[in-house]
Amino acid sequence: MSFLKLQNLDKSFGENRVVKDFNLDVEKGEFISLLGPSGCGKTTVLRMVAGFETPSSGQILVADKEITRLRTNQRKVGMVFQSYALFPNLTVAQNVGFGLKVAGIPRGERAGRVQEMLDLIGLPDLGARFPWQLSGGQQQRVALARALAPKPQMLLLDEPLSALDAKVRVSLRNQIREIQQQLGITTIFVTHDQEEAMAVSDRIVVMHQGAADQIASPQDIYNTPATEFVANFVGTLNRIPAEVADAAAGRVRVAGTEITLGHPVEGARVMLAARPEAFRMAGTGLPATVTGVEFLGALVAVAADVAGTPVTFVVFNGDDTEIPAIGAQIHLQIAPSRLMVQKAG
């Protein structure tokens, strides 16, 4: 039985319909990411779950109880924002304990819970400091502790890492995931960062123009995208035009090289789409000219031209790895099973 149910949610602001017939079932303890570009409706969905926005139509249920029109303080949710939103005039301990104080928790019990939260986020000795005395990553951890202190039934995260630098962002996202798994709390995480969503989620909801284009595991979102939008939005995707040589047999031709897809195709022309890691250099295959080489540490990204179409592929940075030089003439092979077929145009 699903713990959180979003059923046929719609939300309009005037004439602008920003969420369209949105449905999602979330299991208890699951970590779900809402992923998509700016303006796709992901934050509006989160705000409806939190109670900051009321759906124009549809229902929100938690443990089979409808909460669609309950006030935020009646929903038992913890919220973490991008901007930290800490009270500057309160100490770390006072910030963490703010919700407990509002709830009327006795001082002794409140102090014990605050220390438990500070231990959980790895800041056990910083309760007496003020927010301005903390780094950005520490402030966001305090905001997380404040959200978790009242023992909410759900944790809602609205792009909490986007204001942090790259290294802190990776460290904090891992800590959020560890804490979420330790507590077993149902979590909804809004982000536009694909890497973040891939790293922490049990499932990802890829949103496009107010609707859910695909709801699946990170692996399925990346390897078997359900729509062209998902395929193009998530990760890097190479798209190569091909002529159809035999539609029924699924044979196509690129730069004079024939590829058998193993399934029928439609039309006289199609687009072959593949991730960078699907390509490998070989003695035969698609002729290509290397146009750029970018060192990325463990990987080297190689840009190439295949019959006038730019392609990017990756090779591992190892002692026995051949890194082609710019201008080199090479051949690329790709397994048909790694190719996605899209409509031309």
C-alpha atoms as a PDB file:
ATOM      1  CA  MET A   1       0.000   0.000   0.000  1.00  0.00           C
ATOM      2  CA  SER A   2       1.340   3.414  -0.970  1.00  0.00           C
ATOM      3  CA  PHE A   3       2.088   5.845   1.850  1.00  0.00           C
ATOM      4  CA  LEU A   4       1.705   9.039  -0.218  1.00  0.00           C
ATOM      5  CA  LYS A   5      -0.726   9.271  -3.133  1.00  0.00           C
ATOM      6  CA  LEU A   6      -0.964  12.204  -5.521  1.00  0.00           C
ATOM      7  CA  GLN A   7      -4.050  11.674  -7.661  1.00  0.00           C
ATOM      8  CA  ASN A   8      -4.854  13.686 -10.780  1.00  0.00           C
ATOM      9  CA  LEU A   9      -3.278  16.872  -9.420  1.00  0.00           C
ATOM     10  CA  ASP A  10      -3.804  20.006 -11.469  1.00  0.00           C
ATOM     11  CA  LYS A  11      -2.649  23.498 -10.588  1.00  0.00           C
ATOM     12  CA  SER A  12      -3.285  26.700 -12.510  1.00  0.00           C
ATOM     13  CA  PHE A  13      -2.256  30.251 -11.780  1.00  0.00           C
ATOM     14  CA  GLY A  14      -4.768  32.302 -13.738  1.00  0.00           C
ATOM     15  CA  GLU A  15      -4.589  31.079 -17.324  1.00  0.00           C
ATOM     16  CA  ASN A  16      -1.278  29.293 -16.745  1.00  0.00           C
ATOM     17  CA  ARG A  17      -1.714  25.564 -16.063  1.00  0.00           C
ATOM     18  CA  VAL A  18       1.563  24.606 -14.409  1.00  0.00           C
ATOM     19  CA  VAL A  19       0.758  21.056 -13.214  1.00  0.00           C
ATOM     20  CA  LYS A  20      -1.300  18.735 -15.425  1.00  0.00           C
ATOM     21  CA  ASP A  21      -2.999  15.528 -14.281  1.00  0.00           C
ATOM     22  CA  PHE A  22      -0.057  14.536 -12.075  1.00  0.00           C
ATOM     23  CA  ASN A  23      -0.152  11.077 -10.466  1.00  0.00           C
ATOM     24  CA  LEU A  24       2.403   9.536  -8.134  1.00  0.00           C
ATOM     25  CA  ASP A  25       2.376   6.718  -5.561  1.00  0.00           C
ATOM     26  CA  VAL A  26       5.198   6.779  -3.001  1.00  0.00           C
ATOM     27  CA  GLU A  27       6.021   3.904  -0.673  1.00  0.00           C
ATOM     28  CA  LYS A  28       6.820   4.544   2.973  1.00  0.00           C
ATOM     29  CA  GLY A  29      10.545   5.238   3.388  1.00  0.00           C
ATOM     30  CA  GLU A  30      11.085   5.834  -0.322  1.00  0.00           C
ATOM     31  CA  PHE A  31      13.337   8.599  -1.665  1.00  0.00           C
ATOM     32  CA  ILE A  32      11.725  10.231  -4.716  1.00  0.00           C
ATOM     33  CA  SER A  33      13.294  13.003  -6.800  1.00  0.00           C
ATOM     34  CA  LEU A  34      11.291  15.407  -8.946  1.00  0.00           C
ATOM     35  CA  LEU A  35      13.679  16.271 -11.783  1.00  0.00           C
ATOM     36  CA  GLY A  36      13.197  18.703 -14.628  1.00  0.00           C
ATOM     37  CA  PRO A  37      14.085  22.088 -16.107  1.00  0.00           C
ATOM     38  CA  SER A  38      12.971  25.405 -14.629  1.00  0.00           C
ATOM     39  CA  GLY A  39       9.250  25.976 -15.010  1.00  0.00           C
ATOM     40  CA  CYS A  40       8.294  22.305 -15.387  1.00  0.00           C
ATOM     41  CA  GLY A  41       6.109  22.302 -12.248  1.00  0.00           C
ATOM     42  CA  LYS A  42       8.264  20.255  -9.876  1.00  0.00           C
ATOM     43  CA  THR A  43       8.410  22.851  -7.083  1.00  0.00           C
ATOM     44  CA  THR A  44       4.666  23.479  -7.407  1.00  0.00           C
ATOM     45  CA  VAL A  45       4.041  19.756  -6.836  1.00  0.00           C
ATOM     46  CA  LEU A  46       6.246  19.868  -3.725  1.00  0.00           C
ATOM     47  CA  ARG A  47       4.469  22.982  -2.425  1.00  0.00           C
ATOM     48  CA  MET A  48       1.102  21.266  -2.860  1.00  0.00           C
ATOM     49  CA  VAL A  49       2.336  18.296  -0.812  1.00  0.00           C
ATOM     50  CA  ALA A  50       3.612  20.733   1.833  1.00  0.00           C
ATOM     51  CA  GLY A  51       0.361  22.692   1.921  1.00  0.00           C
ATOM     52  CA  PHE A  52       1.804  25.968   0.646  1.00  0.00           C
ATOM     53  CA  GLU A  53      -0.333  25.664  -2.504  1.00  0.00           C
ATOM     54  CA  THR A  54      -3.820  24.190  -2.933  1.00  0.00           C
ATOM     55  CA  PRO A  55      -4.466  22.058  -6.017  1.00  0.00           C
ATOM     56  CA  SER A  56      -6.963  23.382  -8.538  1.00  0.00           C
ATOM     57  CA  SER A  57      -8.197  19.779  -8.691  1.00  0.00           C
ATOM     58  CA  GLY A  58      -7.075  16.346  -7.555  1.00  0.00           C
ATOM     59  CA  GLN A  59      -6.278  14.744  -4.209  1.00  0.00           C
ATOM     60  CA  ILE A  60      -3.335  14.234  -1.856  1.00  0.00           C
ATOM     61  CA  LEU A  61      -3.526  11.279   0.519  1.00  0.00           C
ATOM     62  CA  VAL A  62      -1.155  10.160   3.270  1.00  0.00           C
ATOM     63  CA  ALA A  63      -1.725   6.707   4.737  1.00  0.00           C
ATOM     64  CA  ASP A  64      -5.122   6.695   2.973  1.00  0.00           C
ATOM     65  CA  LYS A  65      -6.202   9.934   4.697  1.00  0.00           C
ATOM     66  CA  GLU A  66      -6.896  12.919   2.476  1.00  0.00           C
ATOM     67  CA  ILE A  67      -4.845  15.999   3.361  1.00  0.00           C
ATOM     68  CA  THR A  68      -5.500  18.048   0.205  1.00  0.00           C
ATOM     69  CA  ARG A  69      -6.837  21.076   2.057  1.00  0.00           C
ATOM     70  CA  LEU A  70      -5.191  20.712   5.441  1.00  0.00           C
ATOM     71  CA  ARG A  71      -2.969  23.560   6.598  1.00  0.00           C
ATOM     72  CA  THR A  72       0.791  23.025   6.504  1.00  0.00           C
ATOM     73  CA  ASN A  73       1.062  22.718  10.291  1.00  0.00           C
ATOM     74  CA  GLN A  74      -1.496  19.883  10.223  1.00  0.00           C
ATOM     75  CA  ARG A  75       0.456  17.714   7.786  1.00  0.00           C
ATOM     76  CA  LYS A  76       3.487  16.663   9.868  1.00  0.00           C
ATOM     77  CA  VAL A  77       5.992  17.469   7.127  1.00  0.00           C
ATOM     78  CA  GLY A  78       9.537  18.754   7.459  1.00  0.00           C
ATOM     79  CA  MET A  79      10.699  21.233   4.811  1.00  0.00           C
ATOM     80  CA  VAL A  80      14.222  22.245   3.795  1.00  0.00           C
ATOM     81  CA  PHE A  81      14.648  25.186   1.426  1.00  0.00           C
ATOM     82  CA  GLN A  82      17.428  26.300  -0.892  1.00  0.00           C
ATOM     83  CA  SER A  83      18.043  29.475   1.163  1.00  0.00           C
ATOM     84  CA  TYR A  84      18.561  27.699   4.556  1.00  0.00           C
ATOM     85  CA  ALA A  85      15.923  30.045   6.120  1.00  0.00           C
ATOM     86  CA  LEU A  86      17.584  29.945   9.548  1.00  0.00           C
ATOM     87  CA  PHE A  87      16.725  32.568  12.159  1.00  0.00           C
ATOM     88  CA  PRO A  88      19.857  34.772  12.371  1.00  0.00           C
ATOM     89  CA  ASN A  89      19.125  35.906  15.934  1.00  0.00           C
ATOM     90  CA  LEU A  90      18.850  32.347  17.279  1.00  0.00           C
ATOM     91  CA  THR A  91      21.669  29.935  18.047  1.00  0.00           C
ATOM     92  CA  VAL A  92      22.039  26.659  16.187  1.00  0.00           C
ATOM     93  CA  ALA A  93      20.391  24.803  19.075  1.00  0.00           C
ATOM     94  CA  GLN A  94      17.532  27.300  19.207  1.00  0.00           C
ATOM     95  CA  ASN A  95      17.004  26.998  15.450  1.00  0.00           C
ATOM     96  CA  VAL A  96      16.895  23.207  15.629  1.00  0.00           C
ATOM     97  CA  GLY A  97      14.509  23.315  18.578  1.00  0.00           C
ATOM     98  CA  PHE A  98      12.218  26.023  17.201  1.00  0.00           C
ATOM     99  CA  GLY A  99       9.507  23.664  15.962  1.00  0.00           C
ATOM    100  CA  LEU A 100       9.636  21.703  19.198  1.00  0.00           C
ATOM    101  CA  LYS A 101       9.146  24.892  21.211  1.00  0.00           C
ATOM    102  CA  VAL A 102       6.163  25.913  19.066  1.00  0.00           C
ATOM    103  CA  ALA A 103       4.702  22.443  19.640  1.00  0.00           C
ATOM    104  CA  GLY A 104       4.970  22.924  23.396  1.00  0.00           C
ATOM    105  CA  ILE A 105       7.564  20.214  24.026  1.00  0.00           C
ATOM    106  CA  PRO A 106       9.004  20.608  27.575  1.00  0.00           C
ATOM    107  CA  ARG A 107      12.453  22.227  27.778  1.00  0.00           C
ATOM    108  CA  GLY A 108      14.272  19.139  29.067  1.00  0.00           C
ATOM    109  CA  GLU A 109      12.831  16.865  26.399  1.00  0.00           C
ATOM    110  CA  ARG A 110      13.461  19.555  23.804  1.00  0.00           C
ATOM    111  CA  ALA A 111      17.146  19.847  24.732  1.00  0.00           C
ATOM    112  CA  GLY A 112      17.621  16.107  24.442  1.00  0.00           C
ATOM    113  CA  ARG A 113      16.015  16.008  21.010  1.00  0.00           C
ATOM    114  CA  VAL A 114      18.084  18.985  19.804  1.00  0.00           C
ATOM    115  CA  GLN A 115      21.320  17.273  20.847  1.00  0.00           C
ATOM    116  CA  GLU A 116      20.180  14.076  19.147  1.00  0.00           C
ATOM    117  CA  MET A 117      19.674  16.029  15.915  1.00  0.00           C
ATOM    118  CA  LEU A 118      23.037  17.791  16.190  1.00  0.00           C
ATOM    119  CA  ASP A 119      24.702  14.401  16.647  1.00  0.00           C
ATOM    120  CA  LEU A 120      22.814  13.071  13.639  1.00  0.00           C
ATOM    121  CA  ILE A 121      24.055  15.847  11.316  1.00  0.00           C
ATOM    122  CA  GLY A 122      27.631  15.671  12.628  1.00  0.00           C
ATOM    123  CA  LEU A 123      27.659  19.032  14.446  1.00  0.00           C
ATOM    124  CA  PRO A 124      27.433  17.905  18.093  1.00  0.00           C
ATOM    125  CA  ASP A 125      29.436  20.801  19.573  1.00  0.00           C
ATOM    126  CA  LEU A 126      28.120  23.769  17.572  1.00  0.00           C
ATOM    127  CA  GLY A 127      24.783  24.314  19.320  1.00  0.00           C
ATOM    128  CA  ALA A 128      25.872  27.633  20.857  1.00  0.00           C
ATOM    129  CA  ARG A 129      26.979  29.204  17.568  1.00  0.00           C
ATOM    130  CA  PHE A 130      24.887  31.516  15.419  1.00  0.00           C
ATOM    131  CA  PRO A 131      24.159  30.847  11.736  1.00  0.00           C
ATOM    132  CA  TRP A 132      26.578  33.545  10.565  1.00  0.00           C
ATOM    133  CA  GLN A 133      29.395  31.625  12.256  1.00  0.00           C
ATOM    134  CA  LEU A 134      28.774  28.535  10.087  1.00  0.00           C
ATOM    135  CA  SER A 135      29.682  27.611   6.527  1.00  0.00           C
ATOM    136  CA  GLY A 136      26.936  27.204   3.927  1.00  0.00           C
ATOM    137  CA  GLY A 137      27.071  23.419   4.185  1.00  0.00           C
ATOM    138  CA  GLN A 138      26.825  23.558   7.979  1.00  0.00           C
ATOM    139  CA  GLN A 139      23.860  25.941   7.793  1.00  0.00           C
ATOM    140  CA  GLN A 140      22.012  23.590   5.474  1.00  0.00           C
ATOM    141  CA  ARG A 141      22.672  20.686   7.816  1.00  0.00           C
ATOM    142  CA  VAL A 142      21.174  22.743  10.640  1.00  0.00           C
ATOM    143  CA  ALA A 143      18.138  23.426   8.453  1.00  0.00           C
ATOM    144  CA  LEU A 144      17.856  19.663   7.876  1.00  0.00           C
ATOM    145  CA  ALA A 145      18.077  18.977  11.616  1.00  0.00           C
ATOM    146  CA  ARG A 146      15.376  21.603  12.297  1.00  0.00           C
ATOM    147  CA  ALA A 147      13.087  19.925   9.756  1.00  0.00           C
ATOM    148  CA  LEU A 148      13.649  16.473  11.283  1.00  0.00           C
ATOM    149  CA  ALA A 149      13.476  17.454  14.968  1.00  0.00           C
ATOM    150  CA  PRO A 150       9.639  17.283  15.290  1.00  0.00           C
ATOM    151  CA  LYS A 151       9.693  13.747  13.805  1.00  0.00           C
ATOM    152  CA  PRO A 152       7.723  14.521  10.638  1.00  0.00           C
ATOM    153  CA  GLN A 153       6.114  11.768   8.593  1.00  0.00           C
ATOM    154  CA  MET A 154       7.613  13.204   5.396  1.00  0.00           C
ATOM    155  CA  LEU A 155      10.731  15.198   4.501  1.00  0.00           C
ATOM    156  CA  LEU A 156      10.431  17.686   1.624  1.00  0.00           C
ATOM    157  CA  LEU A 157      13.606  19.119   0.076  1.00  0.00           C
ATOM    158  CA  ASP A 158      13.345  22.064  -2.327  1.00  0.00           C
ATOM    159  CA  GLU A 159      16.693  22.277  -4.189  1.00  0.00           C
ATOM    160  CA  PRO A 160      18.584  22.349  -0.854  1.00  0.00           C
ATOM    161  CA  LEU A 161      22.037  21.967  -2.417  1.00  0.00           C
ATOM    162  CA  SER A 162      21.971  24.469  -5.272  1.00  0.00           C
ATOM    163  CA  ALA A 163      23.545  27.327  -3.272  1.00  0.00           C
ATOM    164  CA  LEU A 164      26.591  25.251  -2.258  1.00  0.00           C
ATOM    165  CA  ASP A 165      29.883  24.701  -4.044  1.00  0.00           C
ATOM    166  CA  ALA A 166      30.432  21.432  -5.893  1.00  0.00           C
ATOM    167  CA  LYS A 167      32.471  19.508  -3.301  1.00  0.00           C
ATOM    168  CA  VAL A 168      30.205  20.456  -0.386  1.00  0.00           C
ATOM    169  CA  ARG A 169      27.174  19.618  -2.514  1.00  0.00           C
ATOM    170  CA  VAL A 170      28.371  16.047  -3.110  1.00  0.00           C
ATOM    171  CA  SER A 171      29.240  15.538   0.563  1.00  0.00           C
ATOM    172  CA  LEU A 172      25.906  16.896   1.804  1.00  0.00           C
ATOM    173  CA  ARG A 173      23.767  14.974  -0.674  1.00  0.00           C
ATOM    174  CA  ASN A 174      25.430  11.760   0.498  1.00  0.00           C
ATOM    175  CA  GLN A 175      24.778  12.713   4.115  1.00  0.00           C
ATOM    176  CA  ILE A 176      21.123  13.507   3.369  1.00  0.00           C
ATOM    177  CA  ARG A 177      20.721  10.078   1.780  1.00  0.00           C
ATOM    178  CA  GLU A 178      22.420   8.338   4.718  1.00  0.00           C
ATOM    179  CA  ILE A 179      20.219  10.139   7.239  1.00  0.00           C
ATOM    180  CA  GLN A 180      17.095   9.424   5.197  1.00  0.00           C
ATOM    181  CA  GLN A 181      17.903   5.712   5.091  1.00  0.00           C
ATOM    182  CA  GLN A 182      18.818   5.664   8.781  1.00  0.00           C
ATOM    183  CA  LEU A 183      15.497   7.241   9.779  1.00  0.00           C
ATOM    184  CA  GLY A 184      13.444   5.507   7.091  1.00  0.00           C
ATOM    185  CA  ILE A 185      11.587   8.737   6.383  1.00  0.00           C
ATOM    186  CA  THR A 186       9.608   9.203   3.170  1.00  0.00           C
ATOM    187  CA  THR A 187      11.378  11.941   1.190  1.00  0.00           C
ATOM    188  CA  ILE A 188      10.535  14.088  -1.832  1.00  0.00           C
ATOM    189  CA  PHE A 189      13.527  15.926  -3.310  1.00  0.00           C
ATOM    190  CA  VAL A 190      13.229  18.645  -5.955  1.00  0.00           C
ATOM    191  CA  THR A 191      16.253  19.267  -8.166  1.00  0.00           C
ATOM    192  CA  HIS A 192      17.229  20.318 -11.667  1.00  0.00           C
ATOM    193  CA  ASP A 193      20.585  18.535 -11.267  1.00  0.00           C
ATOM    194  CA  GLN A 194      20.567  15.133 -12.975  1.00  0.00           C
ATOM    195  CA  GLU A 195      23.631  13.872 -11.122  1.00  0.00           C
ATOM    196  CA  GLU A 196      22.045  14.647  -7.738  1.00  0.00           C
ATOM    197  CA  ALA A 197      18.847  12.848  -8.657  1.00  0.00           C
ATOM    198  CA  MET A 198      20.739   9.822  -9.986  1.00  0.00           C
ATOM    199  CA  ALA A 199      22.931   9.593  -6.881  1.00  0.00           C
ATOM    200  CA  VAL A 200      20.308   9.649  -4.120  1.00  0.00           C
ATOM    201  CA  SER A 201      16.964   8.466  -5.495  1.00  0.00           C
ATOM    202  CA  ASP A 202      15.074   5.215  -5.286  1.00  0.00           C
ATOM    203  CA  ARG A 203      12.963   6.531  -8.156  1.00  0.00           C
ATOM    204  CA  ILE A 204      13.005   9.673 -10.289  1.00  0.00           C
ATOM    205  CA  VAL A 205      10.043  11.571 -11.695  1.00  0.00           C
ATOM    206  CA  VAL A 206      11.153  13.417 -14.841  1.00  0.00           C
ATOM    207  CA  MET A 207       8.789  16.351 -15.336  1.00  0.00           C
ATOM    208  CA  HIS A 208       8.107  18.218 -18.552  1.00  0.00           C
ATOM    209  CA  GLN A 209       5.613  21.056 -19.028  1.00  0.00           C
ATOM    210  CA  GLY A 210       3.725  20.223 -15.851  1.00  0.00           C
ATOM    211  CA  ALA A 211       3.416  16.477 -16.421  1.00  0.00           C
ATOM    212  CA  ALA A 212       5.378  13.371 -15.439  1.00  0.00           C
ATOM    213  CA  ASP A 213       7.098  12.076 -18.579  1.00  0.00           C
ATOM    214  CA  GLN A 214       8.589   9.054 -16.803  1.00  0.00           C
ATOM    215  CA  ILE A 215       8.662   7.611 -13.276  1.00  0.00           C
ATOM    216  CA  ALA A 216      11.334   4.959 -12.843  1.00  0.00           C
ATOM    217  CA  SER A 217      14.597   3.971 -11.160  1.00  0.00           C
ATOM    218  CA  PRO A 218      17.704   6.026 -11.998  1.00  0.00           C
ATOM    219  CA  GLN A 219      19.028   3.133 -14.095  1.00  0.00           C
ATOM    220  CA  ASP A 220      15.850   2.861 -16.161  1.00  0.00           C
ATOM    221  CA  ILE A 221      15.562   6.629 -16.603  1.00  0.00           C
ATOM    222  CA  TYR A 222      19.089   6.716 -18.022  1.00  0.00           C
ATOM    223  CA  ASN A 223      19.237   3.451 -19.970  1.00  0.00           C
ATOM    224  CA  THR A 224      15.658   3.111 -21.227  1.00  0.00           C
ATOM    225  CA  PRO A 225      14.078   6.573 -21.410  1.00  0.00           C
ATOM    226  CA  ALA A 226      10.362   6.443 -22.154  1.00  0.00           C
ATOM    227  CA  THR A 227      10.172   9.629 -24.234  1.00  0.00           C
ATOM    228  CA  GLU A 228      12.454  11.696 -26.425  1.00  0.00           C
ATOM    229  CA  PHE A 229      12.354  14.484 -23.840  1.00  0.00           C
ATOM    230  CA  VAL A 230      13.675  12.171 -21.113  1.00  0.00           C
ATOM    231  CA  ALA A 231      16.337  10.778 -23.452  1.00  0.00           C
ATOM    232  CA  ASN A 232      17.565  14.249 -24.368  1.00  0.00           C
ATOM    233  CA  PHE A 233      17.227  15.842 -20.911  1.00  0.00           C
ATOM    234  CA  VAL A 234      18.924  13.166 -18.805  1.00  0.00           C
ATOM    235  CA  GLY A 235      22.637  12.757 -19.454  1.00  0.00           C
ATOM    236  CA  THR A 236      24.436  13.369 -22.742  1.00  0.00           C
ATOM    237  CA  LEU A 237      22.870  11.952 -25.865  1.00  0.00           C
ATOM    238  CA  ASN A 238      24.400  11.677 -29.326  1.00  0.00           C
ATOM    239  CA  ARG A 239      21.918  11.834 -32.216  1.00  0.00           C
ATOM    240  CA  ILE A 240      23.073  10.627 -35.627  1.00  0.00           C
ATOM    241  CA  PRO A 241      20.863  10.753 -38.762  1.00  0.00           C
ATOM    242  CA  ALA A 242      20.571   7.463 -40.642  1.00  0.00           C
ATOM    243  CA  GLU A 243      19.004   6.275 -43.884  1.00  0.00           C
ATOM    244  CA  VAL A 244      16.716   3.264 -43.654  1.00  0.00           C
ATOM    245  CA  ALA A 245      18.007   0.510 -45.952  1.00  0.00           C
ATOM    246  CA  ASP A 246      15.435  -2.150 -45.026  1.00  0.00           C
ATOM    247  CA  ALA A 247      12.606  -1.029 -42.711  1.00  0.00           C
ATOM    248  CA  ALA A 248      11.227  -4.524 -42.039  1.00  0.00           C
ATOM    249  CA  ALA A 249      14.646  -5.974 -41.172  1.00  0.00           C
ATOM    250  CA  GLY A 250      15.697  -2.866 -39.222  1.00  0.00           C
ATOM    251  CA  ARG A 251      18.782  -2.150 -41.331  1.00  0.00           C
ATOM    252  CA  VAL A 252      19.996   1.426 -41.459  1.00  0.00           C
ATOM    253  CA  ARG A 253      22.999   3.119 -43.045  1.00  0.00           C
ATOM    254  CA  VAL A 254      25.275   5.787 -41.537  1.00  0.00           C
ATOM    255  CA  ALA A 255      28.242   7.201 -43.463  1.00  0.00           C
ATOM    256  CA  GLY A 256      28.239   4.177 -45.776  1.00  0.00           C
ATOM    257  CA  THR A 257      28.222   1.731 -42.855  1.00  0.00           C
ATOM    258  CA  GLU A 258      25.216  -0.536 -42.403  1.00  0.00           C
ATOM    259  CA  ILE A 259      23.854  -1.266 -38.929  1.00  0.00           C
ATOM    260  CA  THR A 260      21.266  -3.961 -38.190  1.00  0.00           C
ATOM    261  CA  LEU A 261      19.052  -2.853 -35.301  1.00  0.00           C
ATOM    262  CA  GLY A 262      17.246  -6.144 -34.850  1.00  0.00           C
ATOM    263  CA  HIS A 263      13.737  -4.687 -34.974  1.00  0.00           C
ATOM    264  CA  PRO A 264      11.607  -2.989 -37.652  1.00  0.00           C
ATOM    265  CA  VAL A 265      11.739   0.781 -38.130  1.00  0.00           C
ATOM    266  CA  GLU A 266       9.415   3.262 -39.830  1.00  0.00           C
ATOM    267  CA  GLY A 267      10.159   5.894 -42.441  1.00  0.00           C
ATOM    268  CA  ALA A 268      12.943   6.552 -44.893  1.00  0.00           C
ATOM    269  CA  ARG A 269      15.151   8.294 -42.321  1.00  0.00           C
ATOM    270  CA  VAL A 270      15.562   7.967 -38.550  1.00  0.00           C
ATOM    271  CA  MET A 271      17.753   9.370 -35.793  1.00  0.00           C
ATOM    272  CA  LEU A 272      20.026   6.964 -33.922  1.00  0.00           C
ATOM    273  CA  ALA A 273      20.582   8.061 -30.329  1.00  0.00           C
ATOM    274  CA  ALA A 274      23.244   6.698 -27.989  1.00  0.00           C
ATOM    275  CA  ARG A 275      25.005   7.635 -24.750  1.00  0.00           C
ATOM    276  CA  PRO A 276      28.730   8.515 -24.936  1.00  0.00           C
ATOM    277  CA  GLU A 277      29.775   5.345 -23.119  1.00  0.00           C
ATOM    278  CA  ALA A 278      28.067   3.191 -25.773  1.00  0.00           C
ATOM    279  CA  PHE A 279      30.778   3.939 -28.348  1.00  0.00           C
ATOM    280  CA  ARG A 280      34.175   2.285 -28.577  1.00  0.00           C
ATOM    281  CA  MET A 281      37.069   2.779 -30.934  1.00  0.00           C
ATOM    282  CA  ALA A 282      37.811  -0.180 -33.213  1.00  0.00           C
ATOM    283  CA  GLY A 283      39.546  -1.110 -36.442  1.00  0.00           C
ATOM    284  CA  THR A 284      36.295  -0.971 -38.395  1.00  0.00           C
ATOM    285  CA  GLY A 285      32.977   0.797 -38.010  1.00  0.00           C
ATOM    286  CA  LEU A 286      31.734   4.341 -38.469  1.00  0.00           C
ATOM    287  CA  PRO A 287      34.510   6.543 -39.874  1.00  0.00           C
ATOM    288  CA  ALA A 288      35.086   9.598 -37.691  1.00  0.00           C
ATOM    289  CA  THR A 289      37.491  12.508 -37.267  1.00  0.00           C
ATOM    290  CA  VAL A 290      38.553  13.558 -33.772  1.00  0.00           C
ATOM    291  CA  THR A 291      37.738  17.243 -33.173  1.00  0.00           C
ATOM    292  CA  GLY A 292      38.432  17.618 -29.459  1.00  0.00           C
ATOM    293  CA  VAL A 293      39.806  15.880 -26.369  1.00  0.00           C
ATOM    294  CA  GLU A 294      38.782  16.846 -22.823  1.00  0.00           C
ATOM    295  CA  PHE A 295      40.527  15.338 -19.788  1.00  0.00           C
ATOM    296  CA  LEU A 296      38.012  14.665 -16.973  1.00  0.00           C
ATOM    297  CA  GLY A 297      40.158  12.690 -14.550  1.00  0.00           C
ATOM    298  CA  ALA A 298      39.022   9.066 -14.593  1.00  0.00           C
ATOM    299  CA  LEU A 299      37.465   9.602 -18.013  1.00  0.00           C
ATOM    300  CA  VAL A 300      38.517  11.354 -21.201  1.00  0.00           C
ATOM    301  CA  ALA A 301      35.755  12.850 -23.336  1.00  0.00           C
ATOM    302  CA  VAL A 302      36.491  12.716 -27.044  1.00  0.00           C
ATOM    303  CA  ALA A 303      34.570  14.815 -29.568  1.00  0.00           C
ATOM    304  CA  ALA A 304      34.401  13.527 -33.119  1.00  0.00           C
ATOM    305  CA  ASP A 305      32.739  14.230 -36.445  1.00  0.00           C
ATOM    306  CA  VAL A 306      30.760  11.390 -38.045  1.00  0.00           C
ATOM    307  CA  ALA A 307      29.630  12.338 -41.559  1.00  0.00           C
ATOM    308  CA  GLY A 308      29.101  15.949 -40.489  1.00  0.00           C
ATOM    309  CA  THR A 309      27.399  15.079 -37.187  1.00  0.00           C
ATOM    310  CA  PRO A 310      29.153  15.887 -33.874  1.00  0.00           C
ATOM    311  CA  VAL A 311      29.498  12.905 -31.526  1.00  0.00           C
ATOM    312  CA  THR A 312      30.956  12.663 -28.028  1.00  0.00           C
ATOM    313  CA  PHE A 313      32.256   9.432 -26.531  1.00  0.00           C
ATOM    314  CA  VAL A 314      34.353   8.542 -23.493  1.00  0.00           C
ATOM    315  CA  VAL A 315      37.399   6.386 -22.855  1.00  0.00           C
ATOM    316  CA  PHE A 316      38.888   5.421 -19.511  1.00  0.00           C
ATOM    317  CA  ASN A 317      42.061   7.131 -18.389  1.00  0.00           C
ATOM    318  CA  GLY A 318      44.326   4.105 -17.935  1.00  0.00           C
ATOM    319  CA  ASP A 319      47.910   3.162 -18.656  1.00  0.00           C
ATOM    320  CA  ASP A 320      46.880   1.082 -21.670  1.00  0.00           C
ATOM    321  CA  THR A 321      44.292   3.553 -22.991  1.00  0.00           C
ATOM    322  CA  GLU A 322      44.873   5.034 -26.403  1.00  0.00           C
ATOM    323  CA  ILE A 323      43.844   8.694 -26.367  1.00  0.00           C
ATOM    324  CA  PRO A 324      43.393   9.845 -29.973  1.00  0.00           C
ATOM    325  CA  ALA A 325      44.863  13.150 -31.077  1.00  0.00           C
ATOM    326  CA  ILE A 326      42.814  15.966 -32.571  1.00  0.00           C
ATOM    327  CA  GLY A 327      42.548  15.384 -36.309  1.00  0.00           C
ATOM    328  CA  ALA A 328      43.021  11.625 -36.033  1.00  0.00           C
ATOM    329  CA  GLN A 329      40.945   9.411 -38.316  1.00  0.00           C
ATOM    330  CA  ILE A 330      39.275   6.675 -36.268  1.00  0.00           C
ATOM    331  CA  HIS A 331      36.433   4.151 -36.470  1.00  0.00           C
ATOM    332  CA  LEU A 332      33.640   3.843 -33.927  1.00  0.00           C
ATOM    333  CA  GLN A 333      31.518   0.806 -33.146  1.00  0.00           C
ATOM    334  CA  ILE A 334      28.358   0.602 -31.108  1.00  0.00           C
ATOM    335  CA  ALA A 335      26.263  -2.395 -30.141  1.00  0.00           C
ATOM    336  CA  PRO A 336      22.776  -2.189 -31.693  1.00  0.00           C
ATOM    337  CA  SER A 337      21.274  -2.926 -28.266  1.00  0.00           C
ATOM    338  CA  ARG A 338      22.665   0.411 -27.021  1.00  0.00           C
ATOM    339  CA  LEU A 339      20.975   2.418 -29.772  1.00  0.00           C
ATOM    340  CA  MET A 340      17.707   4.265 -29.345  1.00  0.00           C
ATOM    341  CA  VAL A 341      15.727   4.998 -32.509  1.00  0.00           C
ATOM    342  CA  GLN A 342      13.988   8.363 -32.711  1.00  0.00           C
ATOM    343  CA  LYS A 343      11.997  10.059 -35.448  1.00  0.00           C
ATOM    344  CA  ALA A 344      14.033  12.109 -37.872  1.00  0.00           C
ATOM    345  CA  GLY A 345      13.719  15.881 -37.669  1.00  0.00           C
END
